[in-house]
Amino acid sequence: MDNDVKRGGSDEPQRDEENFRRETGIDFSVLTRQEEQGLRRILFSSLGDNELVGGQNTFRAGLKYSDLQVSEQVELALTEDPDTVIGYGVVTGLVASDLATLLKRHAANNHGVIAAGVEPRKAFDTLLGILRGIYGEDTPLDATFMAVYIDRTPA
C-alpha cells in the first residue's frame, strides 16, 4: 500500500489526533493554522538545527497532510509555542501507507531517529516506540500514516 499521496485529503480530524488531544490537551487545529501568507504550519515537540536537512522526514498519523504539494513551503514551530515560527522548509516528498510499511522503508530517514544517532537497523523499533508514545501504545501497525519529507530553508 506504499503509495504517493493523491491530492485532496479530508479536513476531518483523524482518530489518533482525537486521542492525542484528549491525552495532552493540545488541539490539532492549531498544528496546521495558516498565516496570512498562506503557509501551513507543522509542529514538532523538539527540532534541532541539524534536523530536517538532506532528505529527512517526519511521520504523521492519518492523511491530514495529504494536500501538501511537493515544493510547497511550510512553517516549522514547536508544540509548546505554536504561534512562534522557528523556521521554514520545503516539502520534497510525501508517502502514505500503513505504519509497518512506512517504518520499514522510511524510519531510517526520520529526523528524530537521525538526530538521536540511532543505527538504521534499529530505526524501525525506535521510531515505533516514539510514535506509540505520541499516538498511544495501542497504535496498530496497519494504521495509516504519512512520511512527509521536508528540507529546511533559510528563514
N, C-alpha and C. Protein backbone atom coordinates (compact mmCIF):
# COMPACT_ATOMS: atom_id res chain seq x y z
N MET A 1 0.82 -1.20 0.00
CA MET A 1 0.00 0.00 0.00
C MET A 1 0.85 1.25 0.00
N ASP A 2 2.14 1.17 -0.20
CA ASP A 2 3.05 2.31 -0.20
C ASP A 2 2.80 3.13 -1.46
N ASN A 3 2.07 4.21 -1.34
CA ASN A 3 1.67 4.99 -2.49
C ASN A 3 2.02 6.44 -2.31
N ASP A 4 2.29 7.13 -3.42
CA ASP A 4 2.36 8.57 -3.35
C ASP A 4 0.95 9.04 -3.04
N VAL A 5 0.84 10.05 -2.23
CA VAL A 5 -0.47 10.51 -1.78
C VAL A 5 -1.20 11.18 -2.91
N LYS A 6 -2.45 10.84 -3.04
CA LYS A 6 -3.31 11.53 -4.00
C LYS A 6 -3.81 12.80 -3.33
N ARG A 7 -3.96 13.84 -4.05
CA ARG A 7 -4.36 15.13 -3.51
C ARG A 7 -5.81 15.11 -3.04
N GLY A 8 -6.10 16.01 -2.11
CA GLY A 8 -7.49 16.17 -1.68
C GLY A 8 -7.83 15.36 -0.45
N GLY A 9 -7.10 15.52 0.63
CA GLY A 9 -7.39 14.81 1.87
C GLY A 9 -8.57 15.42 2.59
N SER A 10 -8.99 14.77 3.62
CA SER A 10 -10.12 15.22 4.42
C SER A 10 -9.64 16.19 5.48
N ASP A 11 -10.49 17.16 5.81
CA ASP A 11 -10.20 18.07 6.90
C ASP A 11 -10.68 17.51 8.23
N GLU A 12 -11.34 16.34 8.20
CA GLU A 12 -11.81 15.71 9.42
C GLU A 12 -10.63 15.28 10.27
N PRO A 13 -10.69 15.51 11.59
CA PRO A 13 -9.59 15.03 12.43
C PRO A 13 -9.53 13.52 12.42
N GLN A 14 -8.33 12.99 12.47
CA GLN A 14 -8.13 11.56 12.49
C GLN A 14 -8.36 11.05 13.91
N ARG A 15 -8.74 9.77 14.05
CA ARG A 15 -8.99 9.16 15.36
C ARG A 15 -7.79 9.31 16.27
N ASP A 16 -6.58 9.13 15.74
CA ASP A 16 -5.37 9.23 16.55
C ASP A 16 -5.18 10.66 17.05
N GLU A 17 -5.55 11.64 16.25
CA GLU A 17 -5.44 13.02 16.67
C GLU A 17 -6.41 13.32 17.80
N GLU A 18 -7.59 12.73 17.77
CA GLU A 18 -8.55 12.92 18.85
C GLU A 18 -8.01 12.34 20.16
N ASN A 19 -7.39 11.16 20.10
CA ASN A 19 -6.78 10.56 21.29
C ASN A 19 -5.66 11.45 21.82
N PHE A 20 -4.83 11.97 20.94
CA PHE A 20 -3.74 12.84 21.33
C PHE A 20 -4.28 14.09 22.02
N ARG A 21 -5.30 14.71 21.46
CA ARG A 21 -5.88 15.91 22.05
C ARG A 21 -6.44 15.61 23.43
N ARG A 22 -7.12 14.48 23.56
CA ARG A 22 -7.71 14.10 24.84
C ARG A 22 -6.62 13.86 25.89
N GLU A 23 -5.51 13.25 25.49
CA GLU A 23 -4.44 12.92 26.43
C GLU A 23 -3.54 14.11 26.76
N THR A 24 -3.36 15.03 25.82
CA THR A 24 -2.40 16.11 26.04
C THR A 24 -3.04 17.49 26.19
N GLY A 25 -4.29 17.63 25.75
CA GLY A 25 -4.93 18.93 25.78
C GLY A 25 -4.54 19.83 24.62
N ILE A 26 -3.74 19.31 23.68
CA ILE A 26 -3.31 20.11 22.53
C ILE A 26 -4.30 19.90 21.40
N ASP A 27 -4.82 20.98 20.86
CA ASP A 27 -5.79 20.92 19.77
C ASP A 27 -5.04 20.87 18.44
N PHE A 28 -5.27 19.82 17.67
CA PHE A 28 -4.57 19.67 16.40
C PHE A 28 -4.92 20.76 15.38
N SER A 29 -6.04 21.46 15.57
CA SER A 29 -6.36 22.53 14.63
C SER A 29 -5.29 23.61 14.68
N VAL A 30 -4.62 23.75 15.84
CA VAL A 30 -3.53 24.71 15.97
C VAL A 30 -2.34 24.28 15.13
N LEU A 31 -2.18 22.99 14.93
CA LEU A 31 -0.99 22.48 14.28
C LEU A 31 -0.86 22.88 12.83
N THR A 32 -1.96 23.18 12.19
CA THR A 32 -1.87 23.46 10.76
C THR A 32 -2.49 24.80 10.38
N ARG A 33 -2.55 25.71 11.33
CA ARG A 33 -3.08 27.03 11.01
C ARG A 33 -2.26 27.69 9.91
N GLN A 34 -2.95 28.40 9.07
CA GLN A 34 -2.24 29.11 8.02
C GLN A 34 -2.15 30.58 8.41
N GLU A 35 -0.99 31.14 8.20
CA GLU A 35 -0.79 32.55 8.44
C GLU A 35 -1.30 33.33 7.23
N GLU A 36 -1.26 34.65 7.31
CA GLU A 36 -1.76 35.47 6.22
C GLU A 36 -1.11 35.12 4.89
N GLN A 37 0.16 34.72 4.90
CA GLN A 37 0.83 34.38 3.65
C GLN A 37 0.43 33.00 3.15
N GLY A 38 -0.43 32.29 3.89
CA GLY A 38 -0.98 31.03 3.42
C GLY A 38 -0.10 29.81 3.63
N LEU A 39 0.93 29.89 4.47
CA LEU A 39 1.80 28.74 4.68
C LEU A 39 1.22 27.83 5.75
N ARG A 40 1.31 26.52 5.51
CA ARG A 40 0.93 25.55 6.53
C ARG A 40 1.97 25.57 7.63
N ARG A 41 1.53 25.37 8.85
CA ARG A 41 2.44 25.29 9.99
C ARG A 41 2.44 23.86 10.50
N ILE A 42 3.62 23.29 10.65
CA ILE A 42 3.76 21.94 11.16
C ILE A 42 4.51 22.02 12.48
N LEU A 43 3.94 21.41 13.52
CA LEU A 43 4.53 21.48 14.85
C LEU A 43 5.38 20.26 15.16
N PHE A 44 6.39 20.49 15.97
CA PHE A 44 7.31 19.45 16.42
C PHE A 44 7.49 19.60 17.92
N SER A 45 7.64 18.47 18.62
CA SER A 45 7.89 18.54 20.06
C SER A 45 9.27 19.13 20.33
N SER A 46 10.21 18.86 19.45
CA SER A 46 11.54 19.48 19.50
C SER A 46 12.11 19.41 18.09
N LEU A 47 13.04 20.30 17.81
CA LEU A 47 13.63 20.33 16.47
C LEU A 47 14.98 21.01 16.55
N GLY A 48 16.03 20.22 16.38
CA GLY A 48 17.39 20.75 16.41
C GLY A 48 17.77 21.39 15.09
N ASP A 49 18.83 22.18 15.11
CA ASP A 49 19.28 22.87 13.91
C ASP A 49 19.68 21.92 12.79
N ASN A 50 20.11 20.71 13.14
CA ASN A 50 20.56 19.75 12.13
C ASN A 50 19.43 18.82 11.68
N GLU A 51 18.22 19.08 12.11
CA GLU A 51 17.09 18.22 11.72
C GLU A 51 16.36 18.81 10.52
N LEU A 52 15.77 17.91 9.74
CA LEU A 52 15.05 18.24 8.51
C LEU A 52 15.98 18.85 7.46
N VAL A 53 17.12 18.24 7.31
CA VAL A 53 18.06 18.62 6.25
C VAL A 53 18.47 17.36 5.50
N GLY A 54 18.71 17.50 4.22
CA GLY A 54 19.26 16.39 3.45
C GLY A 54 18.38 15.16 3.36
N GLY A 55 17.09 15.33 3.10
CA GLY A 55 16.23 14.18 2.86
C GLY A 55 15.65 13.52 4.09
N GLN A 56 15.37 14.29 5.13
CA GLN A 56 14.77 13.74 6.34
C GLN A 56 13.25 13.93 6.31
N ASN A 57 12.57 13.08 7.10
CA ASN A 57 11.12 13.13 7.12
C ASN A 57 10.58 13.26 8.53
N THR A 58 9.29 13.53 8.60
CA THR A 58 8.53 13.48 9.84
C THR A 58 7.34 12.56 9.60
N PHE A 59 7.05 11.70 10.55
CA PHE A 59 5.90 10.79 10.44
C PHE A 59 4.69 11.44 11.08
N ARG A 60 3.53 11.32 10.43
CA ARG A 60 2.28 11.87 10.95
C ARG A 60 1.16 10.85 10.76
N ALA A 61 0.31 10.73 11.77
CA ALA A 61 -0.82 9.80 11.70
C ALA A 61 -1.88 10.34 10.76
N GLY A 62 -2.51 9.43 10.02
CA GLY A 62 -3.60 9.80 9.13
C GLY A 62 -3.14 10.48 7.86
N LEU A 63 -4.09 11.12 7.20
CA LEU A 63 -3.82 11.76 5.91
C LEU A 63 -4.00 13.27 5.97
N LYS A 64 -3.89 13.85 7.16
CA LYS A 64 -4.11 15.28 7.34
C LYS A 64 -3.24 16.13 6.42
N TYR A 65 -2.05 15.66 6.13
CA TYR A 65 -1.12 16.44 5.32
C TYR A 65 -1.10 16.00 3.85
N SER A 66 -2.07 15.23 3.45
CA SER A 66 -2.09 14.71 2.08
C SER A 66 -2.30 15.80 1.03
N ASP A 67 -2.76 16.96 1.45
CA ASP A 67 -2.97 18.04 0.49
C ASP A 67 -1.72 18.91 0.29
N LEU A 68 -0.65 18.62 1.02
CA LEU A 68 0.60 19.33 0.76
C LEU A 68 1.10 18.98 -0.63
N GLN A 69 1.81 19.88 -1.22
CA GLN A 69 2.36 19.68 -2.56
C GLN A 69 3.89 19.66 -2.48
N VAL A 70 4.52 18.83 -3.28
CA VAL A 70 5.97 18.87 -3.39
C VAL A 70 6.35 20.28 -3.85
N SER A 71 7.37 20.84 -3.25
CA SER A 71 7.87 22.21 -3.48
C SER A 71 7.11 23.26 -2.67
N GLU A 72 6.09 22.86 -1.92
CA GLU A 72 5.35 23.82 -1.09
C GLU A 72 6.19 24.20 0.12
N GLN A 73 6.22 25.50 0.44
CA GLN A 73 6.93 25.97 1.62
C GLN A 73 6.01 25.83 2.83
N VAL A 74 6.59 25.42 3.96
CA VAL A 74 5.84 25.28 5.21
C VAL A 74 6.59 25.99 6.33
N GLU A 75 5.84 26.34 7.37
CA GLU A 75 6.43 26.92 8.57
C GLU A 75 6.67 25.80 9.58
N LEU A 76 7.72 25.95 10.37
CA LEU A 76 8.04 24.99 11.41
C LEU A 76 7.90 25.69 12.76
N ALA A 77 7.23 25.02 13.69
CA ALA A 77 7.04 25.59 15.02
C ALA A 77 7.08 24.46 16.05
N LEU A 78 7.19 24.84 17.32
CA LEU A 78 7.21 23.87 18.40
C LEU A 78 5.84 23.76 19.04
N THR A 79 5.48 22.57 19.45
CA THR A 79 4.19 22.31 20.07
C THR A 79 3.96 23.21 21.27
N GLU A 80 5.01 23.45 22.06
CA GLU A 80 4.87 24.25 23.28
C GLU A 80 4.62 25.72 22.99
N ASP A 81 4.96 26.20 21.79
CA ASP A 81 4.75 27.60 21.42
C ASP A 81 4.35 27.66 19.94
N PRO A 82 3.14 27.20 19.62
CA PRO A 82 2.74 27.05 18.21
C PRO A 82 2.62 28.36 17.44
N ASP A 83 2.59 29.49 18.13
CA ASP A 83 2.45 30.77 17.43
C ASP A 83 3.79 31.34 16.98
N THR A 84 4.89 30.74 17.41
CA THR A 84 6.21 31.25 17.06
C THR A 84 6.86 30.36 16.01
N VAL A 85 7.07 30.93 14.84
CA VAL A 85 7.73 30.20 13.75
C VAL A 85 9.22 30.14 14.05
N ILE A 86 9.78 28.93 14.03
CA ILE A 86 11.21 28.77 14.30
C ILE A 86 12.00 28.48 13.03
N GLY A 87 11.31 28.34 11.93
CA GLY A 87 12.00 28.07 10.68
C GLY A 87 11.02 27.77 9.56
N TYR A 88 11.59 27.51 8.40
CA TYR A 88 10.80 27.20 7.21
C TYR A 88 11.38 25.97 6.55
N GLY A 89 10.58 25.34 5.74
CA GLY A 89 11.04 24.19 4.99
C GLY A 89 10.28 24.06 3.69
N VAL A 90 10.78 23.20 2.84
CA VAL A 90 10.13 22.91 1.57
C VAL A 90 9.81 21.43 1.54
N VAL A 91 8.59 21.09 1.20
CA VAL A 91 8.17 19.70 1.10
C VAL A 91 8.85 19.10 -0.12
N THR A 92 9.56 17.98 0.09
CA THR A 92 10.27 17.34 -1.01
C THR A 92 9.66 15.98 -1.37
N GLY A 93 8.76 15.49 -0.53
CA GLY A 93 8.12 14.21 -0.83
C GLY A 93 7.06 13.87 0.19
N LEU A 94 6.11 13.06 -0.23
CA LEU A 94 5.00 12.61 0.62
C LEU A 94 4.74 11.15 0.31
N VAL A 95 4.67 10.34 1.36
CA VAL A 95 4.36 8.93 1.17
C VAL A 95 3.34 8.54 2.22
N ALA A 96 2.27 7.88 1.78
CA ALA A 96 1.24 7.38 2.69
C ALA A 96 1.18 5.87 2.59
N SER A 97 1.03 5.22 3.73
CA SER A 97 0.94 3.77 3.75
C SER A 97 0.56 3.34 5.15
N ASP A 98 0.50 2.03 5.35
CA ASP A 98 0.31 1.53 6.71
C ASP A 98 1.61 1.77 7.47
N LEU A 99 1.50 1.88 8.79
CA LEU A 99 2.65 2.21 9.62
C LEU A 99 3.80 1.22 9.46
N ALA A 100 3.51 -0.07 9.41
CA ALA A 100 4.58 -1.07 9.29
C ALA A 100 5.40 -0.85 8.03
N THR A 101 4.73 -0.62 6.90
CA THR A 101 5.43 -0.41 5.63
C THR A 101 6.26 0.87 5.67
N LEU A 102 5.66 1.94 6.21
CA LEU A 102 6.42 3.20 6.30
C LEU A 102 7.65 3.05 7.17
N LEU A 103 7.49 2.38 8.30
CA LEU A 103 8.63 2.20 9.19
C LEU A 103 9.74 1.41 8.50
N LYS A 104 9.38 0.35 7.79
CA LYS A 104 10.39 -0.46 7.09
C LYS A 104 11.16 0.36 6.06
N ARG A 105 10.45 1.20 5.35
CA ARG A 105 11.05 1.90 4.21
C ARG A 105 11.56 3.30 4.52
N HIS A 106 11.04 3.92 5.60
CA HIS A 106 11.35 5.35 5.79
C HIS A 106 11.82 5.72 7.20
N ALA A 107 11.80 4.80 8.17
CA ALA A 107 12.19 5.15 9.55
C ALA A 107 13.63 5.64 9.64
N ALA A 108 14.53 5.06 8.86
CA ALA A 108 15.94 5.44 8.93
C ALA A 108 16.18 6.88 8.47
N ASN A 109 15.21 7.48 7.77
CA ASN A 109 15.32 8.86 7.30
C ASN A 109 14.55 9.84 8.18
N ASN A 110 14.01 9.36 9.30
CA ASN A 110 13.24 10.23 10.18
C ASN A 110 14.17 11.20 10.92
N HIS A 111 13.75 12.45 11.00
CA HIS A 111 14.59 13.49 11.60
C HIS A 111 14.96 13.17 13.05
N GLY A 112 14.04 12.65 13.83
CA GLY A 112 14.31 12.33 15.23
C GLY A 112 15.25 11.16 15.40
N VAL A 113 15.09 10.16 14.55
CA VAL A 113 15.95 8.98 14.57
C VAL A 113 17.39 9.38 14.23
N ILE A 114 17.53 10.20 13.20
CA ILE A 114 18.85 10.66 12.78
C ILE A 114 19.48 11.55 13.86
N ALA A 115 18.70 12.47 14.41
CA ALA A 115 19.23 13.37 15.45
C ALA A 115 19.70 12.60 16.68
N ALA A 116 19.02 11.49 16.98
CA ALA A 116 19.38 10.68 18.14
C ALA A 116 20.56 9.74 17.86
N GLY A 117 21.00 9.69 16.61
CA GLY A 117 22.13 8.83 16.26
C GLY A 117 21.80 7.35 16.26
N VAL A 118 20.53 7.03 16.02
CA VAL A 118 20.09 5.63 16.02
C VAL A 118 20.62 4.94 14.76
N GLU A 119 21.13 3.73 14.94
CA GLU A 119 21.59 2.94 13.80
C GLU A 119 20.40 2.61 12.91
N PRO A 120 20.57 2.63 11.58
CA PRO A 120 19.46 2.34 10.68
C PRO A 120 18.74 1.03 10.99
N ARG A 121 19.47 0.00 11.40
CA ARG A 121 18.82 -1.29 11.67
C ARG A 121 17.92 -1.24 12.90
N LYS A 122 18.08 -0.22 13.74
CA LYS A 122 17.25 -0.07 14.93
C LYS A 122 16.17 1.00 14.76
N ALA A 123 16.13 1.63 13.58
CA ALA A 123 15.22 2.75 13.34
C ALA A 123 13.75 2.34 13.46
N PHE A 124 13.39 1.17 12.94
CA PHE A 124 12.00 0.70 12.98
C PHE A 124 11.49 0.69 14.42
N ASP A 125 12.19 -0.03 15.29
CA ASP A 125 11.75 -0.18 16.67
C ASP A 125 11.80 1.14 17.44
N THR A 126 12.84 1.93 17.20
CA THR A 126 12.97 3.21 17.89
C THR A 126 11.83 4.14 17.53
N LEU A 127 11.58 4.29 16.24
CA LEU A 127 10.52 5.21 15.81
C LEU A 127 9.14 4.68 16.19
N LEU A 128 8.94 3.39 16.13
CA LEU A 128 7.66 2.82 16.58
C LEU A 128 7.41 3.19 18.04
N GLY A 129 8.42 3.09 18.88
CA GLY A 129 8.29 3.46 20.28
C GLY A 129 7.95 4.93 20.46
N ILE A 130 8.59 5.79 19.68
CA ILE A 130 8.31 7.23 19.74
C ILE A 130 6.87 7.50 19.32
N LEU A 131 6.46 6.92 18.21
CA LEU A 131 5.11 7.16 17.69
C LEU A 131 4.04 6.64 18.64
N ARG A 132 4.28 5.49 19.24
CA ARG A 132 3.31 4.96 20.21
C ARG A 132 3.27 5.81 21.47
N GLY A 133 4.37 6.47 21.79
CA GLY A 133 4.36 7.41 22.90
C GLY A 133 3.52 8.64 22.60
N ILE A 134 3.46 9.02 21.34
CA ILE A 134 2.68 10.19 20.92
C ILE A 134 1.21 9.82 20.69
N TYR A 135 0.98 8.76 19.93
CA TYR A 135 -0.38 8.43 19.48
C TYR A 135 -1.06 7.36 20.31
N GLY A 136 -0.35 6.75 21.24
CA GLY A 136 -0.95 5.73 22.10
C GLY A 136 -0.29 4.38 21.88
N GLU A 137 -0.10 3.66 22.98
CA GLU A 137 0.56 2.36 22.93
C GLU A 137 -0.17 1.34 22.07
N ASP A 138 -1.45 1.56 21.85
CA ASP A 138 -2.24 0.61 21.06
C ASP A 138 -2.29 0.98 19.57
N THR A 139 -1.44 1.92 19.14
CA THR A 139 -1.42 2.29 17.72
C THR A 139 -1.06 1.07 16.89
N PRO A 140 -1.96 0.63 16.02
CA PRO A 140 -1.71 -0.60 15.25
C PRO A 140 -0.74 -0.37 14.08
N LEU A 141 -0.04 -1.42 13.72
CA LEU A 141 0.88 -1.34 12.59
C LEU A 141 0.17 -1.19 11.26
N ASP A 142 -1.14 -1.44 11.23
CA ASP A 142 -1.86 -1.24 9.98
C ASP A 142 -2.56 0.13 9.91
N ALA A 143 -2.31 1.00 10.90
CA ALA A 143 -2.87 2.36 10.86
C ALA A 143 -2.22 3.14 9.71
N THR A 144 -2.99 4.03 9.11
CA THR A 144 -2.47 4.86 8.03
C THR A 144 -1.63 6.00 8.60
N PHE A 145 -0.43 6.13 8.08
CA PHE A 145 0.49 7.20 8.46
C PHE A 145 1.07 7.82 7.20
N MET A 146 1.70 8.96 7.37
CA MET A 146 2.42 9.62 6.28
C MET A 146 3.85 9.90 6.70
N ALA A 147 4.75 9.79 5.76
CA ALA A 147 6.10 10.30 5.92
C ALA A 147 6.16 11.56 5.05
N VAL A 148 6.37 12.69 5.70
CA VAL A 148 6.44 13.96 4.99
C VAL A 148 7.91 14.38 4.98
N TYR A 149 8.48 14.42 3.79
CA TYR A 149 9.88 14.81 3.63
C TYR A 149 9.95 16.32 3.49
N ILE A 150 10.78 16.91 4.34
CA ILE A 150 10.91 18.38 4.38
C ILE A 150 12.39 18.72 4.44
N ASP A 151 12.82 19.68 3.63
CA ASP A 151 14.17 20.22 3.73
C ASP A 151 14.06 21.64 4.26
N ARG A 152 14.77 21.90 5.36
CA ARG A 152 14.77 23.25 5.93
C ARG A 152 15.36 24.24 4.96
N THR A 153 14.84 25.46 5.01
CA THR A 153 15.33 26.54 4.18
C THR A 153 15.73 27.70 5.07
N PRO A 154 16.58 28.59 4.60
CA PRO A 154 16.92 29.77 5.40
C PRO A 154 15.67 30.60 5.70
N ALA A 155 15.63 31.19 6.88
CA ALA A 155 14.46 32.00 7.29
C ALA A 155 14.30 33.21 6.42
